[in-house]
Every structure is written in C-alpha cells, then in structure tokens.
Amino acid sequence: AFIGAPLLLGVDPVDPDDARDTKGAPYSFTYAWSCALSSGGACGLPADKVPGTFYSPTASTVTLPAATLTSGKEYVFSVVVAKEPSVAGRSVTVAMRVKAATGPSVLVGA
C-alpha cells in the first residue's frame, strides 16, 4: 500500500447455513477489526485518522485515509466475523498483511 493513498480493507462473508431467527429474518454478521505490526506490538495508528467504522460492529469495510500508515512498516489487519446463533464454528478470523511504501518515484531532468 502506498502511504499517499487511502487503504480499503473489506470482507464479504457468506453464511452457508443461512441462519435465521424465529421470524425467518437472517441474522446479521458482526465484525471486530484489529491491527498489529507484523513484528509484534500495537499498530500505533494516529487516533485522528482511524475512522469510526474501524470500531463499528456492523462495518464489513474500513477505509484508512492517506498518510495513516508509516512507510516501511508491515501491518497485520484482522477482522473477526461472526453471526448468530453464537456457537462453535460460527465465527472466523481473516488476517490481511499490508506493507506501507512511499510509492513510486520519478527522476526528472538530465
């Protein structure tokens, strides 16, 4: 990911069991996003740049604005996706590795 561009993270879950409540309505998915450095430790993302959707249990996508990540660091974004009824096997964790780069450079002149 280039630090000068926004970063879109997302999942598109499917429930193979098509679980429904007693009225026949499908249960909603819930999401719990997290971030860590691949080398261990906290992400250290600037609080003023982390969107509210990162903390929303209903957000299947999160867009981090440009210049949120630090160049040269590798981040591991994870999301736990769950759906009622909450029993074993009804949740999954998806991890995404992102290496922040400054982007391509162009040499002009001669």
PDB file of N, CA and C in Angstrom:
ATOM      1  N   ALA A   1       0.852  -1.180   0.000  1.00  0.00           N
ATOM      2  CA  ALA A   1       0.000   0.000   0.000  1.00  0.00           C
ATOM      3  C   ALA A   1       0.889   1.231   0.000  1.00  0.00           C
ATOM      4  N   PHE A   2       0.500   2.217  -0.758  1.00  0.00           N
ATOM      5  CA  PHE A   2       1.244   3.473  -0.770  1.00  0.00           C
ATOM      6  C   PHE A   2       0.709   4.383   0.325  1.00  0.00           C
ATOM      7  N   ILE A   3       1.597   5.010   1.083  1.00  0.00           N
ATOM      8  CA  ILE A   3       1.153   5.852   2.196  1.00  0.00           C
ATOM      9  C   ILE A   3       0.407   7.090   1.712  1.00  0.00           C
ATOM     10  N   GLY A   4       0.573   7.462   0.448  1.00  0.00           N
ATOM     11  CA  GLY A   4      -0.112   8.634  -0.084  1.00  0.00           C
ATOM     12  C   GLY A   4      -1.495   8.331  -0.633  1.00  0.00           C
ATOM     13  N   ALA A   5      -1.974   7.101  -0.454  1.00  0.00           N
ATOM     14  CA  ALA A   5      -3.291   6.718  -0.976  1.00  0.00           C
ATOM     15  C   ALA A   5      -4.116   6.087   0.142  1.00  0.00           C
ATOM     16  N   PRO A   6      -5.444   6.212   0.071  1.00  0.00           N
ATOM     17  CA  PRO A   6      -6.281   5.540   1.069  1.00  0.00           C
ATOM     18  C   PRO A   6      -6.152   4.028   0.946  1.00  0.00           C
ATOM     19  N   LEU A   7      -6.416   3.331   2.035  1.00  0.00           N
ATOM     20  CA  LEU A   7      -6.352   1.873   2.054  1.00  0.00           C
ATOM     21  C   LEU A   7      -7.734   1.333   2.404  1.00  0.00           C
ATOM     22  N   LEU A   8      -8.311   0.535   1.509  1.00  0.00           N
ATOM     23  CA  LEU A   8      -9.624  -0.068   1.732  1.00  0.00           C
ATOM     24  C   LEU A   8      -9.443  -1.519   2.159  1.00  0.00           C
ATOM     25  N   LEU A   9      -9.964  -1.856   3.324  1.00  0.00           N
ATOM     26  CA  LEU A   9      -9.961  -3.224   3.831  1.00  0.00           C
ATOM     27  C   LEU A   9     -11.410  -3.691   3.835  1.00  0.00           C
ATOM     28  N   GLY A  10     -11.647  -4.920   3.437  1.00  0.00           N
ATOM     29  CA  GLY A  10     -13.025  -5.378   3.446  1.00  0.00           C
ATOM     30  C   GLY A  10     -13.160  -6.876   3.370  1.00  0.00           C
ATOM     31  N   VAL A  11     -14.293  -7.350   3.835  1.00  0.00           N
ATOM     32  CA  VAL A  11     -14.660  -8.754   3.735  1.00  0.00           C
ATOM     33  C   VAL A  11     -16.100  -8.826   3.239  1.00  0.00           C
ATOM     34  N   ASP A  12     -16.430  -9.921   2.589  1.00  0.00           N
ATOM     35  CA  ASP A  12     -17.776 -10.127   2.061  1.00  0.00           C
ATOM     36  C   ASP A  12     -18.227 -11.533   2.473  1.00  0.00           C
ATOM     37  N   PRO A  13     -18.653 -11.679   3.745  1.00  0.00           N
ATOM     38  CA  PRO A  13     -18.961 -13.017   4.248  1.00  0.00           C
ATOM     39  C   PRO A  13     -20.245 -13.604   3.662  1.00  0.00           C
ATOM     40  N   VAL A  14     -20.278 -14.921   3.651  1.00  0.00           N
ATOM     41  CA  VAL A  14     -21.448 -15.677   3.213  1.00  0.00           C
ATOM     42  C   VAL A  14     -21.701 -16.749   4.267  1.00  0.00           C
ATOM     43  N   ASP A  15     -22.950 -16.923   4.655  1.00  0.00           N
ATOM     44  CA  ASP A  15     -23.316 -17.953   5.616  1.00  0.00           C
ATOM     45  C   ASP A  15     -23.861 -19.163   4.861  1.00  0.00           C
ATOM     46  N   PRO A  16     -23.101 -20.245   4.782  1.00  0.00           N
ATOM     47  CA  PRO A  16     -23.578 -21.414   4.040  1.00  0.00           C
ATOM     48  C   PRO A  16     -24.810 -22.059   4.681  1.00  0.00           C
ATOM     49  N   ASP A  17     -25.038 -21.792   5.976  1.00  0.00           N
ATOM     50  CA  ASP A  17     -26.199 -22.353   6.670  1.00  0.00           C
ATOM     51  C   ASP A  17     -27.429 -21.464   6.560  1.00  0.00           C
ATOM     52  N   ASP A  18     -27.240 -20.219   6.132  1.00  0.00           N
ATOM     53  CA  ASP A  18     -28.336 -19.249   6.015  1.00  0.00           C
ATOM     54  C   ASP A  18     -29.161 -19.199   7.308  1.00  0.00           C
ATOM     55  N   ALA A  19     -28.465 -19.020   8.454  1.00  0.00           N
ATOM     56  CA  ALA A  19     -29.116 -18.999   9.768  1.00  0.00           C
ATOM     57  C   ALA A  19     -30.131 -17.864   9.864  1.00  0.00           C
ATOM     58  N   ARG A  20     -31.305 -18.182  10.421  1.00  0.00           N
ATOM     59  CA  ARG A  20     -32.392 -17.208  10.542  1.00  0.00           C
ATOM     60  C   ARG A  20     -32.993 -17.275  11.939  1.00  0.00           C
ATOM     61  N   ASP A  21     -33.608 -16.146  12.346  1.00  0.00           N
ATOM     62  CA  ASP A  21     -34.262 -16.116  13.648  1.00  0.00           C
ATOM     63  C   ASP A  21     -35.639 -16.773  13.553  1.00  0.00           C
ATOM     64  N   THR A  22     -36.381 -16.767  14.656  1.00  0.00           N
ATOM     65  CA  THR A  22     -37.675 -17.454  14.705  1.00  0.00           C
ATOM     66  C   THR A  22     -38.716 -16.835  13.776  1.00  0.00           C
ATOM     67  N   LYS A  23     -38.483 -15.600  13.332  1.00  0.00           N
ATOM     68  CA  LYS A  23     -39.408 -14.941  12.402  1.00  0.00           C
ATOM     69  C   LYS A  23     -38.971 -15.106  10.946  1.00  0.00           C
ATOM     70  N   GLY A  24     -37.864 -15.821  10.744  1.00  0.00           N
ATOM     71  CA  GLY A  24     -37.381 -16.070   9.388  1.00  0.00           C
ATOM     72  C   GLY A  24     -36.425 -15.036   8.838  1.00  0.00           C
ATOM     73  N   ALA A  25     -36.104 -14.026   9.638  1.00  0.00           N
ATOM     74  CA  ALA A  25     -35.158 -12.994   9.182  1.00  0.00           C
ATOM     75  C   ALA A  25     -33.730 -13.497   9.362  1.00  0.00           C
ATOM     76  N   PRO A  26     -32.847 -13.256   8.372  1.00  0.00           N
ATOM     77  CA  PRO A  26     -31.454 -13.706   8.517  1.00  0.00           C
ATOM     78  C   PRO A  26     -30.749 -12.926   9.631  1.00  0.00           C
ATOM     79  N   TYR A  27     -29.920 -13.633  10.372  1.00  0.00           N
ATOM     80  CA  TYR A  27     -29.111 -12.975  11.389  1.00  0.00           C
ATOM     81  C   TYR A  27     -28.067 -12.100  10.698  1.00  0.00           C
ATOM     82  N   SER A  28     -27.705 -11.008  11.346  1.00  0.00           N
ATOM     83  CA  SER A  28     -26.681 -10.106  10.803  1.00  0.00           C
ATOM     84  C   SER A  28     -25.288 -10.599  11.178  1.00  0.00           C
ATOM     85  N   PHE A  29     -24.331 -10.297  10.321  1.00  0.00           N
ATOM     86  CA  PHE A  29     -22.928 -10.545  10.651  1.00  0.00           C
ATOM     87  C   PHE A  29     -22.447  -9.432  11.569  1.00  0.00           C
ATOM     88  N   THR A  30     -21.480  -9.744  12.439  1.00  0.00           N
ATOM     89  CA  THR A  30     -20.807  -8.729  13.238  1.00  0.00           C
ATOM     90  C   THR A  30     -19.319  -8.787  12.919  1.00  0.00           C
ATOM     91  N   TYR A  31     -18.658  -7.657  13.101  1.00  0.00           N
ATOM     92  CA  TYR A  31     -17.251  -7.521  12.719  1.00  0.00           C
ATOM     93  C   TYR A  31     -16.477  -6.881  13.864  1.00  0.00           C
ATOM     94  N   ALA A  32     -15.278  -7.388  14.122  1.00  0.00           N
ATOM     95  CA  ALA A  32     -14.384  -6.806  15.124  1.00  0.00           C
ATOM     96  C   ALA A  32     -13.008  -6.661  14.472  1.00  0.00           C
ATOM     97  N   TRP A  33     -12.673  -5.430  14.077  1.00  0.00           N
ATOM     98  CA  TRP A  33     -11.405  -5.145  13.397  1.00  0.00           C
ATOM     99  C   TRP A  33     -10.299  -4.910  14.421  1.00  0.00           C
ATOM    100  N   SER A  34      -9.079  -5.302  14.069  1.00  0.00           N
ATOM    101  CA  SER A  34      -7.919  -5.033  14.915  1.00  0.00           C
ATOM    102  C   SER A  34      -6.686  -4.873  14.036  1.00  0.00           C
ATOM    103  N   CYS A  35      -5.622  -4.374  14.638  1.00  0.00           N
ATOM    104  CA  CYS A  35      -4.387  -4.138  13.902  1.00  0.00           C
ATOM    105  C   CYS A  35      -3.198  -4.397  14.814  1.00  0.00           C
ATOM    106  N   ALA A  36      -2.139  -4.944  14.230  1.00  0.00           N
ATOM    107  CA  ALA A  36      -0.871  -5.155  14.937  1.00  0.00           C
ATOM    108  C   ALA A  36       0.249  -5.009  13.920  1.00  0.00           C
ATOM    109  N   LEU A  37       1.444  -4.804  14.385  1.00  0.00           N
ATOM    110  CA  LEU A  37       2.608  -4.809  13.495  1.00  0.00           C
ATOM    111  C   LEU A  37       3.029  -6.255  13.293  1.00  0.00           C
ATOM    112  N   SER A  38       3.507  -6.598  12.105  1.00  0.00           N
ATOM    113  CA  SER A  38       3.924  -7.975  11.844  1.00  0.00           C
ATOM    114  C   SER A  38       5.102  -8.374  12.731  1.00  0.00           C
ATOM    115  N   SER A  39       5.853  -7.389  13.187  1.00  0.00           N
ATOM    116  CA  SER A  39       6.984  -7.658  14.081  1.00  0.00           C
ATOM    117  C   SER A  39       6.545  -7.799  15.533  1.00  0.00           C
ATOM    118  N   GLY A  40       5.248  -7.620  15.779  1.00  0.00           N
ATOM    119  CA  GLY A  40       4.699  -7.686  17.136  1.00  0.00           C
ATOM    120  C   GLY A  40       4.405  -6.290  17.650  1.00  0.00           C
ATOM    121  N   GLY A  41       3.508  -6.195  18.559  1.00  0.00           N
ATOM    122  CA  GLY A  41       3.180  -4.916  19.160  1.00  0.00           C
ATOM    123  C   GLY A  41       2.009  -4.220  18.479  1.00  0.00           C
ATOM    124  N   ALA A  42       1.644  -3.110  19.061  1.00  0.00           N
ATOM    125  CA  ALA A  42       0.497  -2.337  18.600  1.00  0.00           C
ATOM    126  C   ALA A  42       0.806  -1.587  17.308  1.00  0.00           C
ATOM    127  N   CYS A  43      -0.224  -1.319  16.553  1.00  0.00           N
ATOM    128  CA  CYS A  43      -0.090  -0.602  15.277  1.00  0.00           C
ATOM    129  C   CYS A  43       0.418   0.823  15.457  1.00  0.00           C
ATOM    130  N   GLY A  44      -0.105   1.487  16.459  1.00  0.00           N
ATOM    131  CA  GLY A  44       0.262   2.881  16.658  1.00  0.00           C
ATOM    132  C   GLY A  44      -0.322   3.802  15.599  1.00  0.00           C
ATOM    133  N   LEU A  45      -1.517   3.455  15.084  1.00  0.00           N
ATOM    134  CA  LEU A  45      -2.160   4.321  14.089  1.00  0.00           C
ATOM    135  C   LEU A  45      -2.576   5.626  14.747  1.00  0.00           C
ATOM    136  N   PRO A  46      -2.444   6.748  14.044  1.00  0.00           N
ATOM    137  CA  PRO A  46      -2.854   8.034  14.616  1.00  0.00           C
ATOM    138  C   PRO A  46      -4.356   8.033  14.895  1.00  0.00           C
ATOM    139  N   ALA A  47      -4.727   8.296  16.137  1.00  0.00           N
ATOM    140  CA  ALA A  47      -6.134   8.240  16.548  1.00  0.00           C
ATOM    141  C   ALA A  47      -7.025   9.135  15.700  1.00  0.00           C
ATOM    142  N   ASP A  48      -6.507  10.281  15.266  1.00  0.00           N
ATOM    143  CA  ASP A  48      -7.327  11.216  14.489  1.00  0.00           C
ATOM    144  C   ASP A  48      -7.545  10.749  13.048  1.00  0.00           C
ATOM    145  N   LYS A  49      -6.854   9.703  12.624  1.00  0.00           N
ATOM    146  CA  LYS A  49      -7.008   9.204  11.250  1.00  0.00           C
ATOM    147  C   LYS A  49      -7.750   7.875  11.173  1.00  0.00           C
ATOM    148  N   VAL A  50      -7.988   7.241  12.309  1.00  0.00           N
ATOM    149  CA  VAL A  50      -8.690   5.956  12.310  1.00  0.00           C
ATOM    150  C   VAL A  50     -10.188   6.238  12.237  1.00  0.00           C
ATOM    151  N   PRO A  51     -10.857   5.759  11.181  1.00  0.00           N
ATOM    152  CA  PRO A  51     -12.284   6.046  11.032  1.00  0.00           C
ATOM    153  C   PRO A  51     -13.130   5.297  12.059  1.00  0.00           C
ATOM    154  N   GLY A  52     -14.290   5.842  12.365  1.00  0.00           N
ATOM    155  CA  GLY A  52     -15.205   5.215  13.309  1.00  0.00           C
ATOM    156  C   GLY A  52     -15.614   3.822  12.891  1.00  0.00           C
ATOM    157  N   THR A  53     -15.615   3.548  11.572  1.00  0.00           N
ATOM    158  CA  THR A  53     -16.005   2.227  11.098  1.00  0.00           C
ATOM    159  C   THR A  53     -15.058   1.138  11.606  1.00  0.00           C
ATOM    160  N   PHE A  54     -13.821   1.503  11.954  1.00  0.00           N
ATOM    161  CA  PHE A  54     -12.860   0.530  12.472  1.00  0.00           C
ATOM    162  C   PHE A  54     -13.384  -0.087  13.769  1.00  0.00           C
ATOM    163  N   TYR A  55     -14.184   0.679  14.515  1.00  0.00           N
ATOM    164  CA  TYR A  55     -14.712   0.229  15.803  1.00  0.00           C
ATOM    165  C   TYR A  55     -16.175  -0.204  15.729  1.00  0.00           C
ATOM    166  N   SER A  56     -16.775  -0.145  14.560  1.00  0.00           N
ATOM    167  CA  SER A  56     -18.190  -0.472  14.402  1.00  0.00           C
ATOM    168  C   SER A  56     -18.407  -1.968  14.213  1.00  0.00           C
ATOM    169  N   PRO A  57     -19.313  -2.567  14.995  1.00  0.00           N
ATOM    170  CA  PRO A  57     -19.585  -3.997  14.826  1.00  0.00           C
ATOM    171  C   PRO A  57     -20.377  -4.321  13.555  1.00  0.00           C
ATOM    172  N   THR A  58     -20.786  -3.287  12.818  1.00  0.00           N
ATOM    173  CA  THR A  58     -21.561  -3.527  11.595  1.00  0.00           C
ATOM    174  C   THR A  58     -20.770  -3.214  10.326  1.00  0.00           C
ATOM    175  N   ALA A  59     -19.491  -2.869  10.455  1.00  0.00           N
ATOM    176  CA  ALA A  59     -18.696  -2.448   9.297  1.00  0.00           C
ATOM    177  C   ALA A  59     -17.927  -3.607   8.667  1.00  0.00           C
ATOM    178  N   SER A  60     -18.336  -3.988   7.450  1.00  0.00           N
ATOM    179  CA  SER A  60     -17.601  -5.031   6.728  1.00  0.00           C
ATOM    180  C   SER A  60     -16.435  -4.444   5.945  1.00  0.00           C
ATOM    181  N   THR A  61     -16.397  -3.120   5.804  1.00  0.00           N
ATOM    182  CA  THR A  61     -15.269  -2.448   5.148  1.00  0.00           C
ATOM    183  C   THR A  61     -14.786  -1.292   6.016  1.00  0.00           C
ATOM    184  N   VAL A  62     -13.504  -1.012   5.904  1.00  0.00           N
ATOM    185  CA  VAL A  62     -12.879   0.107   6.606  1.00  0.00           C
ATOM    186  C   VAL A  62     -11.936   0.774   5.615  1.00  0.00           C
ATOM    187  N   THR A  63     -12.020   2.088   5.499  1.00  0.00           N
ATOM    188  CA  THR A  63     -11.096   2.830   4.643  1.00  0.00           C
ATOM    189  C   THR A  63     -10.220   3.716   5.513  1.00  0.00           C
ATOM    190  N   LEU A  64      -8.921   3.448   5.486  1.00  0.00           N
ATOM    191  CA  LEU A  64      -7.964   4.289   6.211  1.00  0.00           C
ATOM    192  C   LEU A  64      -7.514   5.394   5.267  1.00  0.00           C
ATOM    193  N   PRO A  65      -7.548   6.647   5.715  1.00  0.00           N
ATOM    194  CA  PRO A  65      -7.145   7.741   4.844  1.00  0.00           C
ATOM    195  C   PRO A  65      -5.655   7.688   4.494  1.00  0.00           C
ATOM    196  N   ALA A  66      -5.302   8.383   3.436  1.00  0.00           N
ATOM    197  CA  ALA A  66      -3.894   8.506   3.040  1.00  0.00           C
ATOM    198  C   ALA A  66      -3.075   9.004   4.224  1.00  0.00           C
ATOM    199  N   ALA A  67      -1.827   8.589   4.290  1.00  0.00           N
ATOM    200  CA  ALA A  67      -0.866   9.003   5.312  1.00  0.00           C
ATOM    201  C   ALA A  67      -1.220   8.506   6.712  1.00  0.00           C
ATOM    202  N   THR A  68      -2.007   7.433   6.803  1.00  0.00           N
ATOM    203  CA  THR A  68      -2.307   6.829   8.102  1.00  0.00           C
ATOM    204  C   THR A  68      -1.210   5.844   8.497  1.00  0.00           C
ATOM    205  N   LEU A  69      -0.674   5.121   7.512  1.00  0.00           N
ATOM    206  CA  LEU A  69       0.362   4.128   7.767  1.00  0.00           C
ATOM    207  C   LEU A  69       1.748   4.757   7.699  1.00  0.00           C
ATOM    208  N   THR A  70       2.712   4.124   8.343  1.00  0.00           N
ATOM    209  CA  THR A  70       4.095   4.597   8.344  1.00  0.00           C
ATOM    210  C   THR A  70       4.891   3.787   7.335  1.00  0.00           C
ATOM    211  N   SER A  71       5.591   4.469   6.447  1.00  0.00           N
ATOM    212  CA  SER A  71       6.377   3.815   5.406  1.00  0.00           C
ATOM    213  C   SER A  71       7.389   2.843   6.006  1.00  0.00           C
ATOM    214  N   GLY A  72       7.491   1.674   5.376  1.00  0.00           N
ATOM    215  CA  GLY A  72       8.457   0.671   5.797  1.00  0.00           C
ATOM    216  C   GLY A  72       7.942  -0.304   6.834  1.00  0.00           C
ATOM    217  N   LYS A  73       6.810  -0.011   7.446  1.00  0.00           N
ATOM    218  CA  LYS A  73       6.248  -0.922   8.440  1.00  0.00           C
ATOM    219  C   LYS A  73       5.288  -1.891   7.764  1.00  0.00           C
ATOM    220  N   GLU A  74       5.214  -3.099   8.316  1.00  0.00           N
ATOM    221  CA  GLU A  74       4.259  -4.085   7.824  1.00  0.00           C
ATOM    222  C   GLU A  74       3.192  -4.276   8.896  1.00  0.00           C
ATOM    223  N   TYR A  75       1.953  -4.083   8.486  1.00  0.00           N
ATOM    224  CA  TYR A  75       0.812  -4.161   9.381  1.00  0.00           C
ATOM    225  C   TYR A  75       0.028  -5.442   9.117  1.00  0.00           C
ATOM    226  N   VAL A  76      -0.594  -5.976  10.163  1.00  0.00           N
ATOM    227  CA  VAL A  76      -1.499  -7.105  10.026  1.00  0.00           C
ATOM    228  C   VAL A  76      -2.858  -6.644  10.545  1.00  0.00           C
ATOM    229  N   PHE A  77      -3.791  -6.451   9.609  1.00  0.00           N
ATOM    230  CA  PHE A  77      -5.157  -6.091   9.964  1.00  0.00           C
ATOM    231  C   PHE A  77      -5.960  -7.376  10.024  1.00  0.00           C
ATOM    232  N   SER A  78      -6.722  -7.534  11.091  1.00  0.00           N
ATOM    233  CA  SER A  78      -7.540  -8.726  11.253  1.00  0.00           C
ATOM    234  C   SER A  78      -8.975  -8.311  11.503  1.00  0.00           C
ATOM    235  N   VAL A  79      -9.883  -9.180  11.096  1.00  0.00           N
ATOM    236  CA  VAL A  79     -11.292  -8.973  11.396  1.00  0.00           C
ATOM    237  C   VAL A  79     -11.892 -10.313  11.785  1.00  0.00           C
ATOM    238  N   VAL A  80     -12.601 -10.312  12.903  1.00  0.00           N
ATOM    239  CA  VAL A  80     -13.355 -11.490  13.329  1.00  0.00           C
ATOM    240  C   VAL A  80     -14.784 -11.275  12.848  1.00  0.00           C
ATOM    241  N   VAL A  81     -15.262 -12.199  12.036  1.00  0.00           N
ATOM    242  CA  VAL A  81     -16.624 -12.133  11.513  1.00  0.00           C
ATOM    243  C   VAL A  81     -17.432 -13.209  12.216  1.00  0.00           C
ATOM    244  N   ALA A  82     -18.566 -12.814  12.782  1.00  0.00           N
ATOM    245  CA  ALA A  82     -19.420 -13.760  13.494  1.00  0.00           C
ATOM    246  C   ALA A  82     -20.868 -13.540  13.101  1.00  0.00           C
ATOM    247  N   LYS A  83     -21.670 -14.556  13.371  1.00  0.00           N
ATOM    248  CA  LYS A  83     -23.095 -14.469  13.078  1.00  0.00           C
ATOM    249  C   LYS A  83     -23.838 -15.329  14.082  1.00  0.00           C
ATOM    250  N   GLU A  84     -24.967 -14.840  14.544  1.00  0.00           N
ATOM    251  CA  GLU A  84     -25.798 -15.617  15.459  1.00  0.00           C
ATOM    252  C   GLU A  84     -26.338 -16.840  14.737  1.00  0.00           C
ATOM    253  N   PRO A  85     -26.715 -17.873  15.379  1.00  0.00           N
ATOM    254  CA  PRO A  85     -26.518 -18.087  16.816  1.00  0.00           C
ATOM    255  C   PRO A  85     -25.044 -18.320  17.117  1.00  0.00           C
ATOM    256  N   SER A  86     -24.599 -17.779  18.225  1.00  0.00           N
ATOM    257  CA  SER A  86     -23.179 -17.822  18.573  1.00  0.00           C
ATOM    258  C   SER A  86     -22.820 -19.175  19.176  1.00  0.00           C
ATOM    259  N   VAL A  87     -22.402 -20.076  18.306  1.00  0.00           N
ATOM    260  CA  VAL A  87     -21.958 -21.407  18.731  1.00  0.00           C
ATOM    261  C   VAL A  87     -20.617 -21.677  18.064  1.00  0.00           C
ATOM    262  N   ALA A  88     -19.949 -22.703  18.512  1.00  0.00           N
ATOM    263  CA  ALA A  88     -18.643 -23.048  17.941  1.00  0.00           C
ATOM    264  C   ALA A  88     -18.742 -23.181  16.420  1.00  0.00           C
ATOM    265  N   GLY A  89     -17.774 -22.620  15.734  1.00  0.00           N
ATOM    266  CA  GLY A  89     -17.743 -22.705  14.283  1.00  0.00           C
ATOM    267  C   GLY A  89     -18.535 -21.619  13.576  1.00  0.00           C
ATOM    268  N   ARG A  90     -19.129 -20.692  14.328  1.00  0.00           N
ATOM    269  CA  ARG A  90     -19.944 -19.640  13.714  1.00  0.00           C
ATOM    270  C   ARG A  90     -19.177 -18.321  13.627  1.00  0.00           C
ATOM    271  N   SER A  91     -17.866 -18.359  13.776  1.00  0.00           N
ATOM    272  CA  SER A  91     -17.054 -17.158  13.580  1.00  0.00           C
ATOM    273  C   SER A  91     -15.758 -17.543  12.875  1.00  0.00           C
ATOM    274  N   VAL A  92     -15.162 -16.561  12.212  1.00  0.00           N
ATOM    275  CA  VAL A  92     -13.903 -16.791  11.508  1.00  0.00           C
ATOM    276  C   VAL A  92     -13.067 -15.515  11.597  1.00  0.00           C
ATOM    277  N   THR A  93     -11.753 -15.689  11.670  1.00  0.00           N
ATOM    278  CA  THR A  93     -10.841 -14.549  11.682  1.00  0.00           C
ATOM    279  C   THR A  93     -10.101 -14.503  10.347  1.00  0.00           C
ATOM    280  N   VAL A  94     -10.088 -13.322   9.749  1.00  0.00           N
ATOM    281  CA  VAL A  94      -9.393 -13.111   8.478  1.00  0.00           C
ATOM    282  C   VAL A  94      -8.282 -12.093   8.733  1.00  0.00           C
ATOM    283  N   ALA A  95      -7.055 -12.419   8.322  1.00  0.00           N
ATOM    284  CA  ALA A  95      -5.927 -11.504   8.502  1.00  0.00           C
ATOM    285  C   ALA A  95      -5.431 -11.019   7.143  1.00  0.00           C
ATOM    286  N   MET A  96      -5.068  -9.744   7.087  1.00  0.00           N
ATOM    287  CA  MET A  96      -4.548  -9.132   5.867  1.00  0.00           C
ATOM    288  C   MET A  96      -3.233  -8.443   6.193  1.00  0.00           C
ATOM    289  N   ARG A  97      -2.161  -8.791   5.476  1.00  0.00           N
ATOM    290  CA  ARG A  97      -0.857  -8.140   5.676  1.00  0.00           C
ATOM    291  C   ARG A  97      -0.724  -6.987   4.694  1.00  0.00           C
ATOM    292  N   VAL A  98      -0.273  -5.857   5.223  1.00  0.00           N
ATOM    293  CA  VAL A  98      -0.096  -4.664   4.394  1.00  0.00           C
ATOM    294  C   VAL A  98       1.264  -4.067   4.699  1.00  0.00           C
ATOM    295  N   LYS A  99       2.091  -3.915   3.667  1.00  0.00           N
ATOM    296  CA  LYS A  99       3.389  -3.250   3.833  1.00  0.00           C
ATOM    297  C   LYS A  99       3.257  -1.842   3.278  1.00  0.00           C
ATOM    298  N   ALA A 100       3.540  -0.853   4.099  1.00  0.00           N
ATOM    299  CA  ALA A 100       3.421   0.550   3.697  1.00  0.00           C
ATOM    300  C   ALA A 100       4.672   0.984   2.938  1.00  0.00           C
ATOM    301  N   ALA A 101       4.457   1.637   1.802  1.00  0.00           N
ATOM    302  CA  ALA A 101       5.562   2.127   0.972  1.00  0.00           C
ATOM    303  C   ALA A 101       5.301   3.575   0.596  1.00  0.00           C
ATOM    304  N   THR A 102       6.376   4.297   0.305  1.00  0.00           N
ATOM    305  CA  THR A 102       6.219   5.700  -0.071  1.00  0.00           C
ATOM    306  C   THR A 102       5.670   5.848  -1.474  1.00  0.00           C
ATOM    307  N   GLY A 103       5.763   4.825  -2.279  1.00  0.00           N
ATOM    308  CA  GLY A 103       5.230   4.882  -3.641  1.00  0.00           C
ATOM    309  C   GLY A 103       6.349   5.057  -4.645  1.00  0.00           C
ATOM    310  N   PRO A 104       5.979   4.997  -5.910  1.00  0.00           N
ATOM    311  CA  PRO A 104       6.999   5.121  -6.952  1.00  0.00           C
ATOM    312  C   PRO A 104       7.575   6.533  -6.983  1.00  0.00           C
ATOM    313  N   SER A 105       8.826   6.631  -7.372  1.00  0.00           N
ATOM    314  CA  SER A 105       9.436   7.947  -7.521  1.00  0.00           C
ATOM    315  C   SER A 105       9.861   8.124  -8.968  1.00  0.00           C
ATOM    316  N   VAL A 106       9.898   9.356  -9.379  1.00  0.00           N
ATOM    317  CA  VAL A 106      10.248   9.678 -10.764  1.00  0.00           C
ATOM    318  C   VAL A 106      11.414  10.645 -10.752  1.00  0.00           C
ATOM    319  N   LEU A 107      12.429  10.344 -11.514  1.00  0.00           N
ATOM    320  CA  LEU A 107      13.571  11.229 -11.639  1.00  0.00           C
ATOM    321  C   LEU A 107      13.383  12.063 -12.904  1.00  0.00           C
ATOM    322  N   VAL A 108      13.341  13.386 -12.730  1.00  0.00           N
ATOM    323  CA  VAL A 108      13.121  14.275 -13.860  1.00  0.00           C
ATOM    324  C   VAL A 108      14.375  15.125 -14.065  1.00  0.00           C
ATOM    325  N   GLY A 109      14.733  15.322 -15.311  1.00  0.00           N
ATOM    326  CA  GLY A 109      15.883  16.174 -15.618  1.00  0.00           C
ATOM    327  C   GLY A 109      17.079  15.357 -16.064  1.00  0.00           C
ATOM    328  N   ALA A 110      18.050  16.070 -16.598  1.00  0.00           N
ATOM    329  CA  ALA A 110      19.269  15.399 -17.023  1.00  0.00           C
ATOM    330  C   ALA A 110      20.310  16.428 -17.300  1.00  0.00           C
TER     331      ALA A 110
END
